[in-house]
Amino acid sequence: MTTTRKRTKLVREGKYAAGVDVELIEDDTAWSPYLSPDDVRKLENVRLALKRGDVTEAAKHAQVFELKPVAAE
Protein backbone atom coordinates (compact mmCIF):
# COMPACT_ATOMS: atom_id res chain seq x y z
CA MET A 1 0.00 0.00 0.00
CA THR A 2 1.32 3.42 -0.96
CA THR A 3 0.36 6.58 0.92
CA THR A 4 1.47 10.19 0.66
CA ARG A 5 1.71 12.97 3.18
CA LYS A 6 2.34 16.65 2.58
CA ARG A 7 5.40 18.29 4.11
CA THR A 8 7.25 21.56 3.72
CA LYS A 9 10.95 21.17 2.99
CA LEU A 10 13.29 24.05 3.80
CA VAL A 11 15.84 25.10 1.18
CA ARG A 12 18.52 27.56 2.27
CA GLU A 13 20.86 29.32 -0.12
CA GLY A 14 22.90 32.37 0.89
CA LYS A 15 20.71 35.02 2.47
CA TYR A 16 17.48 33.31 1.38
CA ALA A 17 15.40 30.41 2.63
CA ALA A 18 12.34 28.90 0.99
CA GLY A 19 9.60 26.58 2.19
CA VAL A 20 8.75 24.16 -0.61
CA ASP A 21 5.59 22.05 -0.35
CA VAL A 22 6.25 18.42 -1.34
CA GLU A 23 4.62 15.03 -0.87
CA LEU A 24 6.47 12.24 0.91
CA ILE A 25 5.65 8.86 -0.58
CA GLU A 26 5.46 5.98 1.88
CA ASP A 27 5.30 2.32 0.92
CA ASP A 28 6.69 -1.04 1.99
CA THR A 29 10.11 -0.59 0.36
CA ALA A 30 13.39 0.12 2.12
CA TRP A 31 13.55 3.55 0.44
CA SER A 32 10.41 4.83 2.12
CA PRO A 33 9.64 7.68 2.66
CA TYR A 34 10.87 9.30 -0.54
CA LEU A 35 10.09 12.17 -2.91
CA SER A 36 8.76 11.99 -6.44
CA PRO A 37 11.15 13.02 -9.23
CA ASP A 38 8.95 16.10 -9.85
CA ASP A 39 9.29 17.22 -6.22
CA VAL A 40 13.05 16.68 -6.34
CA ARG A 41 13.24 18.86 -9.48
CA LYS A 42 11.10 21.51 -7.77
CA LEU A 43 13.45 21.60 -4.76
CA GLU A 44 16.49 21.84 -7.03
CA ASN A 45 14.93 24.57 -9.20
CA VAL A 46 14.12 26.64 -6.10
CA ARG A 47 17.67 26.15 -4.78
CA LEU A 48 19.23 27.22 -8.06
CA ALA A 49 16.92 30.26 -8.35
CA LEU A 50 17.87 31.36 -4.82
CA LYS A 51 21.55 30.82 -5.59
CA ARG A 52 21.41 33.24 -8.50
CA GLY A 53 19.23 35.68 -6.52
CA ASP A 54 16.11 35.14 -8.66
CA VAL A 55 13.55 35.45 -5.88
CA THR A 56 10.68 35.88 -8.37
CA GLU A 57 11.37 32.49 -9.94
CA ALA A 58 11.79 30.77 -6.56
CA ALA A 59 8.54 32.31 -5.33
CA LYS A 60 6.63 30.54 -8.13
CA HIS A 61 7.22 27.25 -6.29
CA ALA A 62 7.86 28.23 -2.67
CA GLN A 63 7.40 30.74 0.09
CA VAL A 64 10.65 32.74 0.12
CA PHE A 65 12.24 34.43 3.13
CA GLU A 66 15.22 36.75 3.39
CA LEU A 67 17.50 35.86 6.30
CA LYS A 68 18.89 38.71 8.39
CA PRO A 69 21.28 38.41 11.32
CA VAL A 70 19.96 39.32 14.73
CA ALA A 71 22.33 41.10 17.10
CA ALA A 72 22.33 39.58 20.58
CA GLU A 73 22.76 41.92 23.52
C-alpha atoms as a PDB file:
ATOM      1  CA  MET A   1       0.000   0.000   0.000  1.00  0.00           C
ATOM      2  CA  THR A   2       1.321   3.425  -0.962  1.00  0.00           C
ATOM      3  CA  THR A   3       0.364   6.578   0.924  1.00  0.00           C
ATOM      4  CA  THR A   4       1.470  10.190   0.658  1.00  0.00           C
ATOM      5  CA  ARG A   5       1.707  12.973   3.179  1.00  0.00           C
ATOM      6  CA  LYS A   6       2.338  16.646   2.581  1.00  0.00           C
ATOM      7  CA  ARG A   7       5.402  18.293   4.106  1.00  0.00           C
ATOM      8  CA  THR A   8       7.253  21.555   3.716  1.00  0.00           C
ATOM      9  CA  LYS A   9      10.951  21.173   2.992  1.00  0.00           C
ATOM     10  CA  LEU A  10      13.288  24.047   3.800  1.00  0.00           C
ATOM     11  CA  VAL A  11      15.835  25.098   1.185  1.00  0.00           C
ATOM     12  CA  ARG A  12      18.518  27.564   2.269  1.00  0.00           C
ATOM     13  CA  GLU A  13      20.865  29.324  -0.119  1.00  0.00           C
ATOM     14  CA  GLY A  14      22.903  32.365   0.888  1.00  0.00           C
ATOM     15  CA  LYS A  15      20.709  35.024   2.470  1.00  0.00           C
ATOM     16  CA  TYR A  16      17.478  33.314   1.376  1.00  0.00           C
ATOM     17  CA  ALA A  17      15.398  30.413   2.630  1.00  0.00           C
ATOM     18  CA  ALA A  18      12.339  28.901   0.994  1.00  0.00           C
ATOM     19  CA  GLY A  19       9.601  26.580   2.187  1.00  0.00           C
ATOM     20  CA  VAL A  20       8.754  24.163  -0.613  1.00  0.00           C
ATOM     21  CA  ASP A  21       5.595  22.048  -0.352  1.00  0.00           C
ATOM     22  CA  VAL A  22       6.250  18.422  -1.343  1.00  0.00           C
ATOM     23  CA  GLU A  23       4.619  15.028  -0.874  1.00  0.00           C
ATOM     24  CA  LEU A  24       6.467  12.241   0.905  1.00  0.00           C
ATOM     25  CA  ILE A  25       5.648   8.856  -0.579  1.00  0.00           C
ATOM     26  CA  GLU A  26       5.461   5.978   1.883  1.00  0.00           C
ATOM     27  CA  ASP A  27       5.305   2.320   0.917  1.00  0.00           C
ATOM     28  CA  ASP A  28       6.694  -1.039   1.987  1.00  0.00           C
ATOM     29  CA  THR A  29      10.112  -0.586   0.360  1.00  0.00           C
ATOM     30  CA  ALA A  30      13.387   0.117   2.121  1.00  0.00           C
ATOM     31  CA  TRP A  31      13.553   3.547   0.441  1.00  0.00           C
ATOM     32  CA  SER A  32      10.407   4.833   2.117  1.00  0.00           C
ATOM     33  CA  PRO A  33       9.644   7.684   2.660  1.00  0.00           C
ATOM     34  CA  TYR A  34      10.865   9.303  -0.537  1.00  0.00           C
ATOM     35  CA  LEU A  35      10.090  12.173  -2.907  1.00  0.00           C
ATOM     36  CA  SER A  36       8.756  11.987  -6.442  1.00  0.00           C
ATOM     37  CA  PRO A  37      11.147  13.024  -9.228  1.00  0.00           C
ATOM     38  CA  ASP A  38       8.948  16.097  -9.854  1.00  0.00           C
ATOM     39  CA  ASP A  39       9.286  17.219  -6.223  1.00  0.00           C
ATOM     40  CA  VAL A  40      13.055  16.681  -6.341  1.00  0.00           C
ATOM     41  CA  ARG A  41      13.242  18.857  -9.478  1.00  0.00           C
ATOM     42  CA  LYS A  42      11.095  21.509  -7.772  1.00  0.00           C
ATOM     43  CA  LEU A  43      13.447  21.598  -4.761  1.00  0.00           C
ATOM     44  CA  GLU A  44      16.491  21.842  -7.027  1.00  0.00           C
ATOM     45  CA  ASN A  45      14.926  24.575  -9.199  1.00  0.00           C
ATOM     46  CA  VAL A  46      14.123  26.639  -6.105  1.00  0.00           C
ATOM     47  CA  ARG A  47      17.666  26.145  -4.778  1.00  0.00           C
ATOM     48  CA  LEU A  48      19.226  27.222  -8.062  1.00  0.00           C
ATOM     49  CA  ALA A  49      16.921  30.261  -8.349  1.00  0.00           C
ATOM     50  CA  LEU A  50      17.872  31.356  -4.825  1.00  0.00           C
ATOM     51  CA  LYS A  51      21.549  30.820  -5.588  1.00  0.00           C
ATOM     52  CA  ARG A  52      21.408  33.243  -8.503  1.00  0.00           C
ATOM     53  CA  GLY A  53      19.229  35.680  -6.522  1.00  0.00           C
ATOM     54  CA  ASP A  54      16.111  35.137  -8.660  1.00  0.00           C
ATOM     55  CA  VAL A  55      13.546  35.451  -5.879  1.00  0.00           C
ATOM     56  CA  THR A  56      10.680  35.884  -8.367  1.00  0.00           C
ATOM     57  CA  GLU A  57      11.366  32.487  -9.939  1.00  0.00           C
ATOM     58  CA  ALA A  58      11.789  30.771  -6.564  1.00  0.00           C
ATOM     59  CA  ALA A  59       8.536  32.312  -5.327  1.00  0.00           C
ATOM     60  CA  LYS A  60       6.629  30.542  -8.130  1.00  0.00           C
ATOM     61  CA  HIS A  61       7.223  27.250  -6.293  1.00  0.00           C
ATOM     62  CA  ALA A  62       7.856  28.232  -2.670  1.00  0.00           C
ATOM     63  CA  GLN A  63       7.397  30.739   0.088  1.00  0.00           C
ATOM     64  CA  VAL A  64      10.645  32.736   0.122  1.00  0.00           C
ATOM     65  CA  PHE A  65      12.239  34.432   3.128  1.00  0.00           C
ATOM     66  CA  GLU A  66      15.223  36.750   3.394  1.00  0.00           C
ATOM     67  CA  LEU A  67      17.500  35.858   6.301  1.00  0.00           C
ATOM     68  CA  LYS A  68      18.885  38.712   8.389  1.00  0.00           C
ATOM     69  CA  PRO A  69      21.280  38.408  11.317  1.00  0.00           C
ATOM     70  CA  VAL A  70      19.955  39.322  14.726  1.00  0.00           C
ATOM     71  CA  ALA A  71      22.330  41.098  17.096  1.00  0.00           C
ATOM     72  CA  ALA A  72      22.333  39.584  20.578  1.00  0.00           C
ATOM     73  CA  GLU A  73      22.764  41.917  23.516  1.00  0.00           C
END
